[in-house]
N, C-alpha and C. Protein backbone atom coordinates (compact mmCIF):
# COMPACT_ATOMS: atom_id res chain seq x y z
N MET A 1 7.14 0.48 24.22
CA MET A 1 5.74 -0.48 24.58
C MET A 1 4.51 -0.22 24.34
N VAL A 2 4.00 -0.99 23.75
CA VAL A 2 2.70 -1.05 23.64
C VAL A 2 1.44 -2.16 23.63
N THR A 3 0.55 -1.43 24.86
CA THR A 3 -0.12 -2.92 25.33
C THR A 3 -1.74 -2.32 25.35
N MET A 4 -2.01 -3.61 25.39
CA MET A 4 -3.50 -3.75 24.78
C MET A 4 -4.60 -3.67 26.43
N THR A 5 -5.27 -3.00 26.62
CA THR A 5 -6.32 -3.53 27.97
C THR A 5 -7.24 -3.70 27.47
N GLU A 6 -8.57 -3.93 28.32
CA GLU A 6 -9.63 -3.94 27.39
C GLU A 6 -10.23 -3.02 26.69
N LYS A 7 -10.33 -1.54 27.83
CA LYS A 7 -11.03 -0.10 26.99
C LYS A 7 -9.91 0.31 26.28
N SER A 8 -8.19 0.30 26.07
CA SER A 8 -7.25 1.67 25.52
C SER A 8 -5.98 0.84 25.04
N ILE A 9 -5.64 1.75 24.71
CA ILE A 9 -3.87 1.59 24.38
C ILE A 9 -3.22 2.21 25.40
N VAL A 10 -1.97 1.92 26.17
CA VAL A 10 -1.17 2.42 26.42
C VAL A 10 0.04 2.71 25.79
N VAL A 11 0.30 3.65 25.49
CA VAL A 11 1.22 3.59 24.69
C VAL A 11 2.65 4.95 25.55
N ASP A 12 3.98 4.15 25.28
CA ASP A 12 5.32 4.57 25.83
C ASP A 12 5.69 5.74 25.10
N VAL A 13 5.43 7.03 25.59
CA VAL A 13 6.18 8.38 24.49
C VAL A 13 6.92 8.24 24.05
N SER A 14 8.01 7.69 24.82
CA SER A 14 9.03 7.66 23.79
C SER A 14 9.35 6.62 22.76
N GLU A 15 8.75 5.73 22.60
CA GLU A 15 8.60 5.00 21.46
C GLU A 15 7.88 5.94 20.23
N LEU A 16 7.26 6.77 20.15
CA LEU A 16 6.96 7.50 19.49
C LEU A 16 8.23 8.25 17.77
N LYS A 17 7.87 8.29 16.60
CA LYS A 17 8.77 9.04 16.01
C LYS A 17 7.76 10.06 15.11
N SER A 18 8.50 11.19 15.78
CA SER A 18 7.66 12.14 14.93
C SER A 18 7.52 12.81 13.67
N ARG A 19 9.07 11.52 13.02
CA ARG A 19 9.11 12.05 11.02
C ARG A 19 8.49 11.19 11.14
N PHE A 20 8.16 9.90 11.29
CA PHE A 20 7.40 8.81 10.88
C PHE A 20 6.13 9.37 10.27
N PRO A 21 5.76 10.06 10.72
CA PRO A 21 4.04 10.90 9.60
C PRO A 21 4.51 11.45 8.53
N ARG A 22 5.79 11.94 8.26
CA ARG A 22 6.44 13.22 7.44
C ARG A 22 7.36 12.48 6.58
N ASN A 23 7.95 11.39 6.68
CA ASN A 23 8.92 10.00 5.98
C ASN A 23 6.86 9.70 4.79
N VAL A 24 5.98 9.25 5.76
CA VAL A 24 4.77 8.79 4.85
C VAL A 24 4.11 9.85 3.78
N MET A 25 4.57 10.92 4.59
CA MET A 25 3.68 12.22 3.55
C MET A 25 4.90 12.28 2.26
N LYS A 26 5.71 12.06 2.57
CA LYS A 26 7.18 11.91 1.72
C LYS A 26 7.11 11.17 0.36
N GLN A 27 6.59 10.22 0.82
CA GLN A 27 6.04 8.72 -0.44
C GLN A 27 4.96 8.94 -1.48
N PRO A 28 5.24 8.71 -2.61
CA PRO A 28 4.26 8.86 -3.18
C PRO A 28 2.71 8.19 -2.68
N GLY A 29 1.49 8.89 -3.18
CA GLY A 29 0.33 8.34 -2.51
C GLY A 29 0.39 9.21 -1.17
N GLY A 30 1.10 8.77 -0.15
CA GLY A 30 1.21 9.40 1.44
C GLY A 30 0.83 11.04 1.50
N GLU A 31 1.07 11.51 0.46
CA GLU A 31 0.69 12.88 0.72
C GLU A 31 -0.68 13.69 1.39
N ALA A 32 -1.65 12.75 1.29
CA ALA A 32 -3.28 13.54 1.83
C ALA A 32 -3.37 12.73 3.11
N ILE A 33 -2.76 11.84 3.87
CA ILE A 33 -2.90 11.35 5.08
C ILE A 33 -3.22 12.19 6.32
N GLN A 34 -2.31 13.69 6.23
CA GLN A 34 -2.71 14.38 6.94
C GLN A 34 -4.24 15.09 6.91
N LYS A 35 -5.06 14.85 6.26
CA LYS A 35 -6.22 15.10 5.76
C LYS A 35 -7.25 14.49 6.29
N CYS A 36 -6.49 13.19 7.16
CA CYS A 36 -7.74 12.50 7.63
C CYS A 36 -7.99 13.18 9.15
N PHE A 37 -9.37 12.92 9.20
CA PHE A 37 -9.66 13.06 10.67
C PHE A 37 -10.61 12.59 11.47
N GLN A 38 -10.80 10.87 10.82
CA GLN A 38 -10.93 10.06 11.51
C GLN A 38 -12.34 9.72 11.50
N CYS A 39 -13.38 10.09 10.19
CA CYS A 39 -14.66 9.89 10.44
C CYS A 39 -15.63 8.65 10.54
N ALA A 40 -14.20 7.85 10.16
CA ALA A 40 -14.45 6.24 9.86
C ALA A 40 -15.19 5.69 9.27
N VAL A 41 -15.50 6.13 7.42
CA VAL A 41 -15.90 6.00 6.73
C VAL A 41 -15.14 5.05 5.98
N CYS A 42 -13.84 4.83 5.91
CA CYS A 42 -13.05 3.59 5.05
C CYS A 42 -13.12 2.77 5.98
N VAL A 43 -13.65 2.82 7.30
CA VAL A 43 -13.55 1.54 8.49
C VAL A 43 -14.96 0.94 7.98
N ALA A 44 -15.83 1.91 7.30
CA ALA A 44 -17.66 1.63 7.67
C ALA A 44 -17.57 0.41 6.19
N ASN A 45 -16.66 1.12 4.84
CA ASN A 45 -17.39 0.01 3.85
C ASN A 45 -16.55 -1.05 3.34
N CYS A 46 -15.17 -1.10 4.56
CA CYS A 46 -13.68 -2.16 4.03
C CYS A 46 -14.23 -3.59 4.10
N PRO A 47 -14.05 -4.10 3.20
CA PRO A 47 -14.67 -5.79 2.75
C PRO A 47 -13.81 -6.73 3.64
N ILE A 48 -12.04 -6.13 3.75
CA ILE A 48 -11.21 -6.62 4.43
C ILE A 48 -11.61 -6.72 5.99
N ARG A 49 -11.80 -4.97 6.78
CA ARG A 49 -12.22 -5.18 8.17
C ARG A 49 -13.19 -6.26 8.30
N ALA A 50 -14.59 -6.36 6.90
CA ALA A 50 -15.16 -7.82 7.24
C ALA A 50 -15.28 -8.75 7.89
N ILE A 51 -13.80 -9.34 6.97
CA ILE A 51 -13.05 -10.64 7.32
C ILE A 51 -11.71 -10.64 8.32
N GLU A 52 -10.99 -9.23 8.87
CA GLU A 52 -10.27 -9.63 9.67
C GLU A 52 -10.23 -8.46 10.37
N ALA A 53 -11.45 -8.83 11.63
CA ALA A 53 -11.07 -7.68 12.56
C ALA A 53 -10.27 -6.64 13.32
N GLY A 54 -8.70 -7.20 13.00
CA GLY A 54 -7.93 -6.81 12.85
C GLY A 54 -7.35 -5.29 12.51
N TYR A 55 -8.12 -5.40 11.33
CA TYR A 55 -7.84 -4.70 9.54
C TYR A 55 -8.31 -3.38 9.80
N ASN A 56 -7.92 -2.39 10.17
CA ASN A 56 -8.77 -1.44 10.72
C ASN A 56 -8.41 0.02 9.17
N PRO A 57 -8.61 0.65 8.49
CA PRO A 57 -7.20 1.83 8.13
C PRO A 57 -7.33 2.61 9.00
N ARG A 58 -8.25 3.28 9.55
CA ARG A 58 -8.69 4.54 10.43
C ARG A 58 -7.42 4.86 11.72
N ARG A 59 -7.67 3.22 11.37
CA ARG A 59 -6.85 3.49 13.33
C ARG A 59 -5.20 2.83 12.35
N ILE A 60 -5.40 2.89 11.34
CA ILE A 60 -3.18 2.92 10.87
C ILE A 60 -3.05 3.57 10.60
N ILE A 61 -4.31 4.88 10.10
CA ILE A 61 -3.92 5.96 9.96
C ILE A 61 -3.27 6.65 11.27
N LYS A 62 -4.33 6.66 12.01
CA LYS A 62 -3.97 6.86 13.25
C LYS A 62 -2.96 7.05 13.92
N MET A 63 -2.49 6.22 13.87
CA MET A 63 -1.25 5.47 14.45
C MET A 63 -0.54 6.52 13.76
N THR A 64 -0.07 6.04 12.34
CA THR A 64 0.61 6.92 11.65
C THR A 64 0.82 7.85 11.55
N LEU A 65 -0.69 8.86 12.19
CA LEU A 65 -0.22 9.91 12.81
C LEU A 65 0.68 10.74 13.81
N LEU A 66 0.27 9.69 14.71
CA LEU A 66 0.68 9.77 16.14
C LEU A 66 2.15 9.74 15.89
N GLY A 67 2.69 8.85 15.41
CA GLY A 67 4.08 7.97 15.29
C GLY A 67 4.47 7.04 15.73
N MET A 68 3.35 5.81 15.45
CA MET A 68 4.28 4.78 16.16
C MET A 68 4.81 3.98 15.39
N LYS A 69 5.50 4.29 14.50
CA LYS A 69 6.56 3.66 13.22
C LYS A 69 6.42 2.13 13.46
N ASP A 70 7.37 1.82 14.49
CA ASP A 70 7.67 0.78 15.26
C ASP A 70 6.08 -0.60 14.87
N ARG A 71 5.18 -0.18 15.80
CA ARG A 71 4.18 -0.66 15.60
C ARG A 71 3.36 -0.67 14.26
N VAL A 72 3.62 0.30 13.72
CA VAL A 72 2.31 0.15 12.60
C VAL A 72 3.21 -0.70 11.50
N LEU A 73 4.97 -0.49 11.38
CA LEU A 73 5.34 -1.11 10.58
C LEU A 73 5.88 -2.50 10.71
N SER A 74 5.75 -3.45 11.97
CA SER A 74 5.95 -4.39 12.44
C SER A 74 4.79 -5.42 12.41
N GLU A 75 3.29 -4.60 11.99
CA GLU A 75 1.93 -5.24 12.22
C GLU A 75 2.26 -6.18 10.73
N GLU A 76 1.82 -7.53 10.67
CA GLU A 76 1.31 -7.75 9.35
C GLU A 76 -0.34 -7.59 9.08
N PHE A 77 -0.89 -6.62 9.30
CA PHE A 77 -2.25 -5.85 8.77
C PHE A 77 -2.06 -4.61 7.71
N ILE A 78 -0.65 -4.13 7.92
CA ILE A 78 -0.68 -3.12 6.50
C ILE A 78 -1.07 -3.73 5.35
N TRP A 79 -0.72 -4.64 5.81
CA TRP A 79 -0.11 -5.47 4.10
C TRP A 79 -1.83 -5.97 3.66
N LEU A 80 -2.74 -5.71 4.51
CA LEU A 80 -4.16 -6.83 3.80
C LEU A 80 -5.37 -5.83 3.34
N CYS A 81 -4.40 -4.72 2.94
CA CYS A 81 -5.72 -3.71 2.00
C CYS A 81 -5.69 -4.50 0.79
N SER A 82 -6.67 -4.19 0.67
CA SER A 82 -6.94 -5.20 -1.18
C SER A 82 -6.84 -3.84 -2.40
N VAL A 83 -6.73 -2.74 -2.18
CA VAL A 83 -6.40 -2.03 -2.80
C VAL A 83 -8.24 -1.98 -3.98
N CYS A 84 -9.60 -2.43 -2.82
CA CYS A 84 -10.61 -2.04 -3.76
C CYS A 84 -11.27 -0.71 -4.24
N PHE A 85 -11.01 0.17 -3.27
CA PHE A 85 -11.10 1.45 -3.49
C PHE A 85 -12.09 2.01 -3.00
N LEU A 86 -13.03 1.35 -2.42
CA LEU A 86 -14.52 1.71 -1.96
C LEU A 86 -14.46 3.07 -1.05
N CYS A 87 -13.53 2.51 0.16
CA CYS A 87 -12.97 3.85 0.80
C CYS A 87 -12.40 5.24 0.42
N GLN A 88 -12.12 4.95 -0.75
CA GLN A 88 -11.12 6.14 -1.25
C GLN A 88 -12.52 6.90 -1.96
N GLU A 89 -13.42 6.11 -2.50
CA GLU A 89 -14.35 6.53 -2.73
C GLU A 89 -15.70 7.52 -2.07
N ARG A 90 -15.66 7.13 -1.13
CA ARG A 90 -16.39 7.78 -0.18
C ARG A 90 -15.98 8.63 0.68
N CYS A 91 -14.46 8.27 1.08
CA CYS A 91 -14.00 9.83 2.10
C CYS A 91 -14.13 10.75 1.98
N PRO A 92 -15.16 11.65 2.83
CA PRO A 92 -15.08 12.90 2.33
C PRO A 92 -13.56 13.86 2.89
N GLN A 93 -12.47 13.04 2.98
CA GLN A 93 -11.47 14.49 3.25
C GLN A 93 -10.84 14.25 2.09
N GLU A 94 -10.82 13.14 1.31
CA GLU A 94 -10.20 12.88 -0.05
C GLU A 94 -8.67 11.99 0.26
N VAL A 95 -8.75 11.26 1.19
CA VAL A 95 -7.62 11.03 1.84
C VAL A 95 -6.45 9.45 0.89
N ARG A 96 -7.38 9.48 0.18
CA ARG A 96 -6.74 7.66 -0.70
C ARG A 96 -6.42 7.14 0.28
N PRO A 97 -6.96 6.04 1.51
CA PRO A 97 -6.54 5.16 1.79
C PRO A 97 -5.58 4.07 1.56
N PRO A 98 -5.81 3.72 0.22
CA PRO A 98 -5.33 2.48 -0.60
C PRO A 98 -3.80 2.96 -0.71
N GLU A 99 -3.38 4.36 -1.34
CA GLU A 99 -2.27 5.01 -1.85
C GLU A 99 -1.43 5.11 -0.37
N VAL A 100 -2.29 5.52 0.91
CA VAL A 100 -1.79 5.78 2.09
C VAL A 100 -0.84 4.39 2.49
N MET A 101 -1.44 3.24 2.44
CA MET A 101 -1.61 1.87 2.25
C MET A 101 -0.20 1.15 1.68
N ASN A 102 -0.40 2.06 0.15
CA ASN A 102 1.25 1.85 -0.24
C ASN A 102 1.91 2.10 0.19
N ALA A 103 2.23 3.63 0.38
CA ALA A 103 2.95 4.87 1.10
C ALA A 103 3.63 3.68 2.65
N ILE A 104 2.93 3.32 3.21
CA ILE A 104 3.37 3.00 4.72
C ILE A 104 4.06 1.10 4.40
N LYS A 105 3.79 0.73 3.13
CA LYS A 105 4.89 -0.36 2.94
C LYS A 105 5.80 0.03 1.98
N ASN A 106 5.87 0.78 1.32
CA ASN A 106 6.65 1.13 0.95
C ASN A 106 8.04 1.79 1.76
N LEU A 107 7.29 2.26 3.00
CA LEU A 107 8.64 2.40 4.17
C LEU A 107 8.76 1.03 5.10
N ALA A 108 8.23 0.03 4.57
CA ALA A 108 7.77 -0.87 5.43
C ALA A 108 9.19 -1.84 4.56
N VAL A 109 8.83 -1.45 3.22
CA VAL A 109 10.35 -2.00 2.54
C VAL A 109 11.51 -2.14 2.73
N LYS A 110 11.46 -0.37 2.64
CA LYS A 110 12.96 0.43 3.17
C LYS A 110 13.37 0.20 4.17
N GLU A 111 12.59 -0.32 5.16
CA GLU A 111 12.81 -1.00 6.34
C GLU A 111 13.61 -2.34 5.96
N GLY A 112 13.20 -3.07 5.50
CA GLY A 112 13.88 -4.18 5.36
C GLY A 112 12.27 -5.48 6.07
N ILE A 113 11.04 -5.01 6.06
CA ILE A 113 10.51 -5.64 6.31
C ILE A 113 9.47 -5.70 5.40
N ILE A 114 9.23 -6.59 5.28
CA ILE A 114 8.52 -7.67 3.44
C ILE A 114 7.27 -9.12 4.74
N PRO A 115 6.53 -9.14 4.27
CA PRO A 115 5.61 -10.25 4.42
C PRO A 115 6.25 -11.39 4.53
N PRO A 116 5.72 -12.15 4.87
CA PRO A 116 5.81 -13.56 5.08
C PRO A 116 5.55 -14.64 3.80
N ALA A 117 4.90 -13.74 2.91
CA ALA A 117 4.41 -14.51 2.12
C ALA A 117 4.93 -13.90 1.04
N ILE A 118 5.61 -12.44 1.03
CA ILE A 118 6.63 -12.51 -0.43
C ILE A 118 7.84 -13.77 0.07
N ASN A 119 8.43 -13.60 0.91
CA ASN A 119 9.35 -14.44 1.37
C ASN A 119 9.03 -15.21 0.67
N LYS A 120 8.72 -16.19 1.18
CA LYS A 120 8.00 -16.98 0.96
C LYS A 120 7.60 -17.62 -1.00
N LEU A 121 7.45 -16.54 -1.57
CA LEU A 121 7.56 -16.26 -3.22
C LEU A 121 9.05 -16.44 -3.65
N ILE A 122 9.74 -15.28 -2.47
CA ILE A 122 11.32 -14.95 -3.22
C ILE A 122 11.80 -16.45 -3.43
N GLU A 123 11.57 -17.30 -1.90
CA GLU A 123 12.15 -18.63 -2.07
C GLU A 123 12.11 -19.57 -3.18
N ALA A 124 10.58 -19.11 -3.40
CA ALA A 124 9.99 -20.39 -4.53
C ALA A 124 10.96 -19.54 -6.45
N PHE A 125 11.38 -18.55 -6.49
CA PHE A 125 11.64 -18.07 -7.61
C PHE A 125 13.44 -18.20 -7.31
N LYS A 126 13.82 -18.26 -6.05
CA LYS A 126 14.71 -18.18 -5.88
C LYS A 126 15.74 -19.85 -6.73
N GLU A 127 14.88 -20.54 -6.22
CA GLU A 127 14.68 -22.35 -6.06
C GLU A 127 14.31 -22.42 -7.85
N ASN A 128 13.41 -22.14 -8.33
CA ASN A 128 12.97 -22.57 -9.42
C ASN A 128 13.09 -21.67 -10.76
N GLY A 129 13.29 -20.68 -10.49
CA GLY A 129 13.75 -19.41 -11.30
C GLY A 129 12.34 -19.03 -11.55
N ARG A 130 11.57 -19.05 -11.39
CA ARG A 130 9.53 -19.02 -11.34
C ARG A 130 9.29 -19.17 -10.22
N LEU A 131 8.29 -18.81 -10.37
CA LEU A 131 7.12 -18.68 -9.13
C LEU A 131 6.61 -20.02 -8.69
N TYR A 132 6.42 -21.01 -9.79
CA TYR A 132 5.98 -22.01 -9.23
C TYR A 132 6.56 -23.07 -10.54
N PRO A 133 6.49 -24.59 -10.27
CA PRO A 133 7.28 -25.51 -11.13
C PRO A 133 6.91 -25.40 -12.32
N ILE A 134 7.49 -26.09 -13.60
CA ILE A 134 6.36 -26.67 -14.89
C ILE A 134 6.43 -27.49 -14.43
N ASP A 135 4.93 -28.50 -14.05
CA ASP A 135 5.33 -29.81 -14.24
C ASP A 135 4.74 -30.11 -15.71
N GLU A 136 4.25 -31.79 -15.93
CA GLU A 136 4.23 -32.58 -17.31
C GLU A 136 3.17 -31.51 -18.52
N PHE A 137 1.82 -31.16 -17.18
CA PHE A 137 1.19 -30.55 -17.81
C PHE A 137 1.17 -28.95 -18.43
N ALA A 138 1.60 -28.05 -17.73
CA ALA A 138 1.71 -26.82 -18.55
C ALA A 138 3.35 -27.03 -19.23
N ALA A 139 4.45 -28.41 -19.39
CA ALA A 139 4.91 -27.84 -20.43
C ALA A 139 4.80 -28.61 -21.92
N GLU A 140 3.68 -29.08 -21.24
CA GLU A 140 2.99 -29.80 -23.11
C GLU A 140 1.94 -28.50 -23.35
N GLU A 141 1.21 -28.06 -22.41
CA GLU A 141 0.12 -26.58 -22.87
C GLU A 141 1.37 -25.54 -23.51
N ARG A 142 2.69 -25.80 -22.94
CA ARG A 142 3.73 -24.73 -23.40
C ARG A 142 3.66 -25.46 -25.00
N ASP A 143 4.51 -26.29 -25.24
CA ASP A 143 4.18 -27.36 -26.17
C ASP A 143 3.28 -26.94 -27.55
N TYR A 144 2.32 -27.31 -27.13
CA TYR A 144 0.78 -27.00 -27.90
C TYR A 144 0.45 -25.68 -28.54
N MET A 145 1.20 -24.57 -27.56
CA MET A 145 1.05 -23.43 -27.47
C MET A 145 2.13 -22.56 -28.84
N GLY A 146 3.25 -23.76 -28.96
CA GLY A 146 4.66 -22.87 -30.08
C GLY A 146 5.27 -22.67 -28.75
N LEU A 147 5.61 -21.78 -27.72
CA LEU A 147 6.38 -21.78 -27.30
C LEU A 147 7.31 -22.12 -26.76
N PRO A 148 8.29 -22.43 -26.70
CA PRO A 148 10.22 -23.23 -25.93
C PRO A 148 10.25 -23.67 -24.89
N LYS A 149 10.34 -24.54 -24.92
CA LYS A 149 10.60 -25.24 -23.38
C LYS A 149 11.48 -24.53 -22.37
N LEU A 150 11.31 -25.13 -21.19
CA LEU A 150 11.54 -24.86 -20.39
C LEU A 150 12.68 -25.03 -19.43
N SER A 151 13.71 -25.27 -19.04
CA SER A 151 14.48 -26.07 -18.32
C SER A 151 13.78 -26.28 -16.82
N GLU A 152 13.89 -27.54 -16.10
CA GLU A 152 13.24 -27.47 -14.97
C GLU A 152 13.52 -26.28 -13.31
N LYS A 153 14.97 -25.89 -13.47
CA LYS A 153 15.76 -25.28 -12.86
C LYS A 153 16.14 -24.00 -13.88
N SER A 154 16.44 -22.71 -13.04
CA SER A 154 17.00 -21.51 -13.67
C SER A 154 18.30 -21.05 -12.43
N ASN A 155 19.75 -21.43 -13.06
CA ASN A 155 20.82 -20.78 -11.45
C ASN A 155 20.43 -19.50 -11.62
N PHE A 156 20.44 -19.24 -12.92
CA PHE A 156 20.82 -17.27 -13.21
C PHE A 156 19.95 -16.32 -11.86
N VAL A 157 18.82 -16.89 -11.73
CA VAL A 157 18.23 -16.18 -10.71
C VAL A 157 18.08 -16.13 -9.41
N LYS A 158 18.58 -17.40 -8.90
CA LYS A 158 19.53 -17.47 -7.47
C LYS A 158 20.67 -16.36 -7.59
N LYS A 159 21.49 -16.97 -8.56
CA LYS A 159 22.83 -15.91 -8.71
C LYS A 159 22.48 -14.25 -8.29
N ILE A 160 21.14 -14.53 -8.92
CA ILE A 160 20.87 -12.45 -9.24
C ILE A 160 20.18 -12.38 -7.71
N LEU A 161 19.76 -12.57 -7.60
CA LEU A 161 19.07 -12.76 -6.11
C LEU A 161 19.94 -12.80 -4.46
N GLU A 162 20.93 -13.75 -4.87
CA GLU A 162 21.95 -13.58 -3.80
C GLU A 162 22.73 -12.60 -4.04
N LYS A 163 23.17 -11.41 -4.90
CA LYS A 163 23.44 -10.24 -5.18
C LYS A 163 22.96 -9.48 -4.10
């Protein structure tokens, strides 16, 4: 159990997964996570951090290195990285935080953890056979460009996704 207090985080040691950092390092892009010495350069330059105070690449990396697998993978903050590479360009240890975030995201997906926005896209794709419905304007544009007409709904995508 992780509980927040005003000045610190209390972590139950039994919840730490010692293999989690190694699993991140095995993912493409996660190899350099052990180089991080928590200098906070990545936090200072992060545009997402300026908008969302809960996003802190240094904290995510630290939690990963400590083995806080359940906490890291279940939080929505891992999906916020915009891959702007500002942190990567300035990191003195060449940790490459965007690549580390992708490695963590890959592990989350392998665990079946997908952000709600992606689930909504999958549902739209299942329903329409595409990410957005083709309205009258889009149909006219396709016709003007000489593209073939698309049917309203496509059941074959739904069948594939259900498998």
